Protein backbone atom coordinates (compact mmCIF):
# COMPACT_ATOMS: atom_id res chain seq x y z
CA UNK A 1 8.58 -30.59 -48.35
CA UNK A 2 8.24 -32.12 -44.65
CA UNK A 3 4.78 -31.89 -43.10
CA UNK A 4 4.50 -28.63 -40.76
CA UNK A 5 3.84 -28.76 -37.58
CA UNK A 6 1.48 -27.31 -35.25
CA UNK A 7 2.10 -23.76 -33.13
CA UNK A 8 2.98 -24.15 -29.32
CA UNK A 9 -0.49 -21.94 -28.89
CA UNK A 10 -2.50 -19.81 -29.79
CA UNK A 11 -1.21 -16.76 -32.04
CA UNK A 12 -1.69 -13.37 -30.23
CA UNK A 13 -3.88 -10.69 -31.76
CA UNK A 14 -3.46 -7.59 -31.48
CA UNK A 15 -5.88 -6.77 -28.56
CA UNK A 16 -4.39 -9.72 -26.58
CA UNK A 17 -0.66 -7.69 -26.70
CA UNK A 18 -2.16 -4.78 -25.44
CA UNK A 19 -3.98 -6.68 -22.64
CA UNK A 20 0.30 -8.45 -22.07
CA UNK A 21 1.78 -5.29 -23.13
CA UNK A 22 -0.85 -3.20 -19.56
CA UNK A 23 -0.41 -6.41 -17.10
CA UNK A 24 3.94 -5.95 -17.78
CA UNK A 25 3.02 -1.45 -17.43
CA UNK A 26 1.37 -2.60 -14.32
CA UNK A 27 3.69 -5.58 -12.58
CA UNK A 28 6.56 -2.55 -13.26
CA UNK A 29 4.36 -0.51 -11.04
CA UNK A 30 3.60 -3.06 -8.27
CA UNK A 31 7.25 -3.94 -8.52
CA UNK A 32 8.94 -0.44 -7.94
CA UNK A 33 6.61 1.75 -7.44
CA UNK A 34 5.79 5.15 -8.99
CA UNK A 35 7.16 5.49 -12.91
CA UNK A 36 7.94 8.19 -15.33
CA UNK A 37 6.98 7.94 -18.93
CA UNK A 38 11.09 7.45 -19.81
CA UNK A 39 11.48 5.67 -16.71
CA UNK A 40 9.01 2.77 -18.08
CA UNK A 41 10.25 3.07 -21.48
CA UNK A 42 13.78 2.14 -20.37
CA UNK A 43 13.23 -0.27 -18.05
CA UNK A 44 11.02 -2.41 -20.90
CA UNK A 45 13.57 -0.87 -23.57
CA UNK A 46 10.89 0.75 -26.06
CA UNK A 47 9.81 4.60 -27.22
CA UNK A 48 8.40 6.88 -25.11
CA UNK A 49 5.82 6.89 -27.29
CA UNK A 50 4.76 3.28 -27.72
CA UNK A 51 4.70 3.68 -23.26
CA UNK A 52 2.79 6.72 -23.79
CA UNK A 53 0.08 4.55 -25.64
CA UNK A 54 -0.48 1.66 -23.17
CA UNK A 55 0.11 5.21 -20.37
CA UNK A 56 -2.91 6.84 -21.73
CA UNK A 57 -5.46 3.46 -21.77
CA UNK A 58 -4.50 2.83 -18.58
CA UNK A 59 -5.07 6.44 -17.32
CA UNK A 60 -8.10 6.88 -19.31
CA UNK A 61 -9.57 3.65 -17.67
CA UNK A 62 -8.80 5.51 -13.81
CA UNK A 63 -5.94 2.86 -12.74
CA UNK A 64 -3.32 5.13 -12.87
CA UNK A 65 -2.23 8.94 -12.79
CA UNK A 66 -0.32 11.57 -13.39
CA UNK A 67 1.41 13.23 -9.70
CA UNK A 68 3.41 16.54 -9.84
CA UNK A 69 6.59 16.98 -11.63
CA UNK A 70 9.75 15.38 -9.64
CA UNK A 71 12.69 18.09 -7.86
CA UNK A 72 14.99 17.14 -10.93
CA UNK A 73 18.07 17.93 -8.20
CA UNK A 74 19.70 20.21 -10.39
CA UNK A 75 20.27 18.29 -13.98
CA UNK A 76 18.99 19.75 -16.70
CA UNK A 77 15.73 19.13 -19.10
CA UNK A 78 11.77 17.78 -18.17
CA UNK A 79 11.34 17.02 -14.95
CA UNK A 80 9.71 13.55 -14.66
CA UNK A 81 5.84 13.62 -13.75
CA UNK A 82 5.20 10.06 -11.56
CA UNK A 83 2.61 7.45 -12.42
CA UNK A 84 1.08 5.79 -9.86
CA UNK A 85 -2.05 4.45 -9.59
CA UNK A 86 -5.37 6.56 -8.67
CA UNK A 87 -6.99 6.39 -5.59
CA UNK A 88 -9.46 4.50 -6.46
CA UNK A 89 -7.83 1.84 -8.07
CA UNK A 90 -7.76 -1.81 -7.89
CA UNK A 91 -9.84 -1.42 -4.98
CA UNK A 92 -9.87 -5.08 -3.43
CA UNK A 93 -11.43 -7.06 -0.24
CA UNK A 94 -8.68 -8.51 2.51
CA UNK A 95 -8.81 -10.60 5.20
CA UNK A 96 -5.83 -11.80 6.95
CA UNK A 97 -6.51 -15.08 9.44
CA UNK A 98 -5.51 -15.88 13.08
CA UNK A 99 -5.62 -18.17 15.79
CA UNK A 100 -9.63 -16.93 16.72
CA UNK A 101 -8.89 -13.81 15.14
CA UNK A 102 -9.30 -11.95 11.97
CA UNK A 103 -9.10 -8.71 10.10
CA UNK A 104 -11.10 -7.47 7.18
CA UNK A 105 -10.10 -4.40 5.01
CA UNK A 106 -10.59 -2.72 1.52
CA UNK A 107 -7.45 -1.68 0.04
CA UNK A 108 -6.47 0.15 -3.45
CA UNK A 109 -3.52 -0.73 -5.87
CA UNK A 110 -1.44 1.77 -3.51
CA UNK A 111 -1.46 0.02 -0.32
CA UNK A 112 -3.91 1.67 1.36
CA UNK A 113 -6.32 1.05 4.26
CA UNK A 114 -9.39 2.63 3.09
CA UNK A 115 -11.67 0.75 5.51
CA UNK A 116 -10.73 -2.11 8.07
CA UNK A 117 -12.63 -4.06 10.86
CA UNK A 118 -11.39 -6.84 13.31
CA UNK A 119 -13.43 -10.01 15.22
CA UNK A 120 -12.36 -13.03 16.83
CA UNK A 121 -13.95 -16.43 16.61
CA UNK A 122 -13.59 -19.81 17.71
CA UNK A 123 -10.17 -21.83 17.01
CA UNK A 124 -11.50 -25.43 17.92
CA UNK A 125 -15.24 -25.26 16.49
CA UNK A 126 -14.49 -28.45 14.32
CA UNK A 127 -16.72 -27.24 11.88
CA UNK A 128 -15.54 -24.02 11.45
CA UNK A 129 -18.94 -22.38 10.96
CA UNK A 130 -18.09 -20.00 13.86
CA UNK A 131 -14.71 -18.90 11.59
CA UNK A 132 -16.43 -18.26 8.97
CA UNK A 133 -19.47 -16.43 10.14
CA UNK A 134 -16.82 -14.00 11.65
CA UNK A 135 -15.01 -13.83 8.70
CA UNK A 136 -18.70 -13.44 6.35
CA UNK A 137 -19.59 -10.67 9.01
CA UNK A 138 -15.66 -8.64 8.79
CA UNK A 139 -16.06 -8.44 4.94
CA UNK A 140 -19.80 -6.86 4.86
CA UNK A 141 -19.00 -3.83 6.95
CA UNK A 142 -15.86 -3.39 4.65
CA UNK A 143 -16.83 -4.17 1.65
CA UNK A 144 -19.29 -1.06 0.01
CA UNK A 145 -22.84 -1.51 -0.81
CA UNK A 146 -21.91 -0.76 -4.86
CA UNK A 147 -19.13 -3.26 -5.83
CA UNK A 148 -19.55 -2.31 -8.95
CA UNK A 149 -15.14 -1.24 -9.15
CA UNK A 150 -14.16 -4.06 -6.35
CA UNK A 151 -11.39 -6.67 -8.40
CA UNK A 152 -12.87 -9.03 -6.18
CA UNK A 153 -11.44 -10.77 -2.09
CA UNK A 154 -8.00 -11.85 -1.53
CA UNK A 155 -7.66 -14.81 1.54
CA UNK A 156 -4.27 -15.28 4.25
CA UNK A 157 -5.24 -18.69 6.30
CA UNK A 158 -2.44 -19.70 8.52
CA UNK A 159 -2.51 -22.99 6.88
CA UNK A 160 -2.18 -25.41 3.80
CA UNK A 161 -3.50 -24.20 0.44
CA UNK A 162 -4.49 -25.49 -2.88
CA UNK A 163 -4.41 -22.07 -4.15
CA UNK A 164 -5.18 -23.30 -7.85
CA UNK A 165 -8.44 -25.37 -6.20
CA UNK A 166 -9.04 -22.51 -2.72
CA UNK A 167 -9.03 -25.82 -0.95
CA UNK A 168 -7.54 -25.44 2.37
CA UNK A 169 -5.74 -28.37 3.14
CA UNK A 170 -4.90 -27.87 6.99
CA UNK A 171 -4.71 -25.62 9.58
CA UNK A 172 -2.77 -26.17 12.52
CA UNK A 173 -4.32 -22.69 14.47
CA UNK A 174 -8.01 -22.71 12.92
CA UNK A 175 -8.23 -26.22 12.38
CA UNK A 176 -11.81 -26.25 11.21
CA UNK A 177 -11.28 -24.09 8.32
CA UNK A 178 -10.17 -27.11 6.33
CA UNK A 179 -11.67 -28.04 2.71
CA UNK A 180 -13.41 -25.43 0.61
CA UNK A 181 -16.40 -24.01 2.37
CA UNK A 182 -14.58 -20.86 3.39
CA UNK A 183 -13.69 -19.35 0.32
CA UNK A 184 -17.22 -20.80 -0.88
CA UNK A 185 -18.95 -18.39 1.87
CA UNK A 186 -17.19 -15.75 0.78
CA UNK A 187 -17.96 -15.96 -3.16
CA UNK A 188 -21.50 -17.63 -2.29
CA UNK A 189 -21.80 -14.16 -0.36
CA UNK A 190 -20.67 -11.69 -1.96
CA UNK A 191 -20.91 -13.02 -5.32
CA UNK A 192 -16.79 -12.09 -6.41
CA UNK A 193 -13.91 -13.70 -7.41
CA UNK A 194 -11.99 -15.17 -3.83
CA UNK A 195 -8.47 -15.88 -4.29
CA UNK A 196 -6.38 -17.89 -1.44
CA UNK A 197 -3.51 -18.46 -0.09
CA UNK A 198 -1.23 -19.37 3.15
CA UNK A 199 -0.86 -16.51 5.44
CA UNK A 200 3.45 -16.71 4.74
CA UNK A 201 3.52 -15.94 1.47
CA UNK A 202 0.61 -13.63 1.52
CA UNK A 203 2.89 -11.51 4.15
CA UNK A 204 5.91 -12.16 1.06
CA UNK A 205 3.47 -11.17 -1.20
CA UNK A 206 3.12 -7.84 0.64
CA UNK A 207 6.60 -6.92 2.15
CA UNK A 208 7.43 -8.07 -2.14
CA UNK A 209 5.15 -5.07 -3.22
CA UNK A 210 4.57 -2.49 -0.76
CA UNK A 211 6.99 -3.04 2.30
CA UNK A 212 11.19 -3.86 2.49
CA UNK A 213 11.10 -6.49 -0.39
CA UNK A 214 10.15 -4.04 -2.92
CA UNK A 215 13.32 -4.46 -4.62
CA UNK A 216 14.97 -7.27 -3.47
CA UNK A 217 14.60 -10.40 -6.19
CA UNK A 218 15.64 -13.43 -3.06
CA UNK A 219 14.73 -13.21 0.76
CA UNK A 220 12.28 -14.32 2.94
CA UNK A 221 9.11 -13.43 5.14
CA UNK A 222 9.55 -14.92 8.71
CA UNK A 223 5.89 -15.02 10.88
CA UNK A 224 6.38 -14.97 14.46
CA UNK A 225 4.80 -15.57 17.72
CA UNK A 226 1.70 -18.11 17.74
CA UNK A 227 3.22 -20.08 15.84
CA UNK A 228 6.76 -19.83 12.77
CA UNK A 229 5.88 -20.10 8.69
CA UNK A 230 7.59 -18.71 6.33
CA UNK A 231 6.89 -17.01 2.76
CA UNK A 232 9.66 -16.79 0.66
CA UNK A 233 10.98 -14.50 -2.95
CA UNK A 234 13.22 -16.41 -4.94
CA UNK A 235 14.49 -14.40 -8.26
CA UNK A 236 11.31 -12.45 -8.00
CA UNK A 237 8.68 -15.42 -7.63
CA UNK A 238 7.37 -16.20 -4.58
CA UNK A 239 7.15 -19.89 -4.44
CA UNK A 240 5.06 -21.79 -3.44
CA UNK A 241 5.72 -26.23 -3.87
CA UNK A 242 3.94 -28.57 -6.23
CA UNK A 243 0.17 -27.53 -4.81
CA UNK A 244 0.84 -24.57 -1.96
CA UNK A 245 2.38 -27.07 0.81
CA UNK A 246 5.69 -24.39 1.01
CA UNK A 247 5.48 -22.33 3.53
CA UNK A 248 5.39 -24.86 6.66
CA UNK A 249 9.43 -24.46 8.38
CA UNK A 250 7.67 -24.85 11.56
CA UNK A 251 7.70 -28.05 10.94
CA UNK A 252 11.74 -28.88 9.75
CA UNK A 253 13.15 -30.72 12.42
CA UNK A 254 15.86 -28.43 14.62
CA UNK A 255 15.74 -30.67 18.08
CA UNK A 256 16.68 -34.91 17.62
CA UNK A 257 13.62 -37.14 19.80
CA UNK A 258 12.35 -33.44 20.85
CA UNK A 259 8.84 -32.36 22.06
CA UNK A 260 5.83 -33.10 20.52
CA UNK A 261 4.59 -30.40 18.21
CA UNK A 262 0.30 -30.14 17.68
CA UNK A 263 0.99 -30.86 14.79
CA UNK A 264 1.85 -34.24 15.80
CA UNK A 265 5.66 -33.88 15.30
CA UNK A 266 8.87 -34.19 17.40
CA UNK A 267 11.54 -31.11 17.85
CA UNK A 268 9.51 -29.44 14.67
CA UNK A 269 10.85 -25.45 14.76
CA UNK A 270 7.17 -24.40 16.32
CA UNK A 271 8.54 -26.55 19.45
CA UNK A 272 11.49 -23.76 20.53
CA UNK A 273 10.47 -20.82 19.30
CA UNK A 274 7.24 -19.64 19.24
CA UNK A 275 5.45 -18.23 21.77
CA UNK A 276 3.86 -20.84 23.89
CA UNK A 277 7.41 -21.63 24.68
CA UNK A 278 8.24 -18.88 25.76
CA UNK A 279 5.84 -18.64 27.82
CA UNK A 280 6.71 -22.40 29.43
CA UNK A 281 9.74 -21.26 29.96
CA UNK A 282 9.31 -18.34 31.62
CA UNK A 283 6.70 -19.87 33.98
CA UNK A 284 9.93 -22.63 34.52
CA UNK A 285 12.24 -19.55 36.13
CA UNK A 286 9.14 -17.95 37.64
CA UNK A 287 9.49 -14.98 35.30
CA UNK A 288 7.00 -11.78 36.37
CA UNK A 289 3.91 -11.64 33.91
CA UNK A 290 4.82 -15.54 32.69
CA UNK A 291 1.53 -16.11 31.36
CA UNK A 292 1.18 -13.04 28.61
CA UNK A 293 4.90 -12.35 28.41
CA UNK A 294 5.95 -11.40 24.53
CA UNK A 295 9.25 -10.88 23.38
CA UNK A 296 8.49 -7.05 24.22
CA UNK A 297 7.77 -7.60 28.18
CA UNK A 298 11.08 -9.93 28.04
CA UNK A 299 12.42 -7.28 26.73
CA UNK A 300 12.01 -4.88 29.25
CA UNK A 301 12.84 -7.52 32.19
CA UNK A 302 16.20 -8.10 31.24
CA UNK A 303 17.11 -4.60 30.90
CA UNK A 304 15.77 -4.32 33.61
CA UNK A 305 18.26 -6.40 35.55
CA UNK A 306 17.34 -9.37 35.37
CA UNK A 307 19.65 -12.33 34.62
CA UNK A 308 17.16 -15.43 33.92
CA UNK A 309 15.43 -12.56 31.40
CA UNK A 310 18.36 -11.55 29.57
CA UNK A 311 19.19 -16.17 29.68
CA UNK A 312 15.44 -15.96 28.16
CA UNK A 313 16.09 -13.96 25.55
CA UNK A 314 19.41 -15.10 24.01
CA UNK A 315 17.37 -18.34 24.36
CA UNK A 316 14.93 -17.19 22.30
CA UNK A 317 17.19 -15.40 19.72
CA UNK A 318 19.10 -18.43 19.45
CA UNK A 319 16.10 -20.51 19.05
CA UNK A 320 14.56 -18.42 16.14
CA UNK A 321 18.34 -17.83 14.97
CA UNK A 322 18.81 -21.77 14.20
CA UNK A 323 16.00 -21.92 11.39
CA UNK A 324 17.11 -19.08 9.23
CA UNK A 325 20.40 -20.62 9.22
CA UNK A 326 18.70 -23.70 7.88
CA UNK A 327 17.10 -21.59 5.41
CA UNK A 328 19.68 -19.30 4.53
CA UNK A 329 22.31 -22.87 3.65
CA UNK A 330 19.64 -24.80 2.39
CA UNK A 331 18.25 -21.99 -0.13
CA UNK A 332 20.61 -18.74 0.09
CA UNK A 333 18.88 -15.64 0.76
CA UNK A 334 20.80 -12.51 3.06
CA UNK A 335 17.49 -11.07 3.75
CA UNK A 336 15.07 -11.85 6.37
CA UNK A 337 11.96 -9.87 7.21
CA UNK A 338 10.51 -10.77 10.52
CA UNK A 339 6.84 -10.22 11.29
CA UNK A 340 4.63 -10.58 14.92
CA UNK A 341 6.19 -11.47 18.12
CA UNK A 342 10.16 -10.79 17.15
CA UNK A 343 8.71 -7.57 16.26
CA UNK A 344 7.65 -6.23 19.45
CA UNK A 345 11.11 -7.01 20.69
CA UNK A 346 12.77 -4.58 18.42
CA UNK A 347 16.58 -3.54 18.16
CA UNK A 348 17.63 -5.63 21.51
CA UNK A 349 15.92 -8.99 19.78
CA UNK A 350 16.80 -8.06 15.74
CA UNK A 351 20.61 -7.62 16.62
CA UNK A 352 20.47 -11.23 18.48
CA UNK A 353 19.03 -12.82 15.54
CA UNK A 354 21.22 -11.31 13.62
CA UNK A 355 23.92 -11.95 15.35
CA UNK A 356 23.38 -15.93 15.80
CA UNK A 357 22.03 -16.42 12.09
CA UNK A 358 25.51 -15.32 10.92
CA UNK A 359 27.42 -17.63 13.86
CA UNK A 360 25.60 -20.76 12.87
CA UNK A 361 25.82 -19.73 8.71
CA UNK A 362 28.83 -20.37 6.65
CA UNK A 363 32.01 -17.64 6.96
CA UNK A 364 31.40 -17.20 2.65
CA UNK A 365 27.07 -16.47 3.88
CA UNK A 366 27.77 -13.90 6.66
CA UNK A 367 28.38 -10.58 5.31
CA UNK A 368 25.12 -10.02 3.48
CA UNK A 369 22.98 -11.51 5.83
CA UNK A 370 20.86 -9.36 7.22
CA UNK A 371 17.81 -9.77 9.22
CA UNK A 372 15.31 -6.81 9.56
CA UNK A 373 11.82 -6.01 11.24
CA UNK A 374 9.13 -5.35 9.26
CA UNK A 375 7.50 -1.62 9.19
CA UNK A 376 4.25 -3.45 7.75
CA UNK A 377 4.33 -6.11 10.60
CA UNK A 378 0.76 -8.14 10.83
CA UNK A 379 -0.89 -5.33 7.89
CA UNK A 380 1.98 -7.37 5.78
CA UNK A 381 -0.49 -10.36 5.52
CA UNK A 382 -3.39 -8.01 4.97
CA UNK A 383 -2.17 -6.29 1.74
CA UNK A 384 -0.73 -9.31 0.79
CA UNK A 385 -3.72 -10.91 0.87
CA UNK A 386 -5.14 -7.91 -2.18
CA UNK A 387 -2.32 -8.84 -3.93
CA UNK A 388 -3.34 -11.49 -4.72
CA UNK A 389 -6.76 -10.10 -6.56
CA UNK A 390 -4.27 -8.13 -8.11
CA UNK A 391 -2.09 -10.42 -10.04
CA UNK A 392 -5.32 -12.77 -10.51
CA UNK A 393 -7.25 -9.54 -12.26
CA UNK A 394 -3.99 -7.87 -14.30
CA UNK A 395 -2.24 -11.63 -14.39
CA UNK A 396 0.73 -10.42 -13.13
CA UNK A 397 4.18 -12.62 -11.89
CA UNK A 398 4.91 -13.22 -8.09
């Protein structure tokens, strides 16, 4: 009789199995929203009695609560009572950082923002002390003094993050944040776990759990404005790359030997599809308010009869679309959720971007391709930052 090999990993104890089952139920709520016991049992392929035991434990812990019976719409039988997170369940601190600004919030597992504050800092401070001081101070305004029921703090950063170590590898918008100083400062002040990720991936998670991405297995969440970032959800999972480098689509080359980007490369997508480019072109065309022009103002000028504004709007839409088309050809997302400046352009800009994206992809990809404007917009990054804490606490798949 041959020698027996060892198990690949430890055996699960009843306690571990219970934790895993509870995590899977919480995952179902995050992915699908409120669900009844019958719906949970059907999704899990188990009896209602089995689900009932798990649900009871979660209700006793104050994680979920039972809502009013749903309208059965004429169906025979007992109406289902939806289960959903309680109002104080999954409390997390969250902060979304931009170029010289931030928003901090207290958020529950429902995706409800309970407290919020905004602030500014010196984005050019090479040591990052201005940003760290402002951000920790902002968090101090929204995090309650009694933090017994707070799970942790999530941080969304415009840059490359090593999610395993909490290190910010680099940020074009806030260069001084490089390193692990921000995470260490937040952890030291609040004595709570801190989870960090790229802002575009945080936005994608916000859309996946609380926005237009819910129930869609593969989509791209695209930030526009000061820079361009892309959060990709592929087969239900956010794509991060080896060390969290994925998402820097704004620095993909779209113009051979084009203008130099602030990242040091030439011809990046950001050089032709951000507010910096838009305002420079508006100044060249002598459009009114060129220095502060954005998509909303450009649409207003175009609809007011300015031919130069209409031409620039068309070009801006085309420049944004070329990057979406490349993503669609390579990774095959058919659903794009736009955030930031493009949202201000409304239906006019959205329609142009969608049509021009379709014009640049293979014919068989066009039919299902859809570009939408986020209803959460910049709030998606905050919700995603809170979602990072939920996923870390309950071992959820994101």
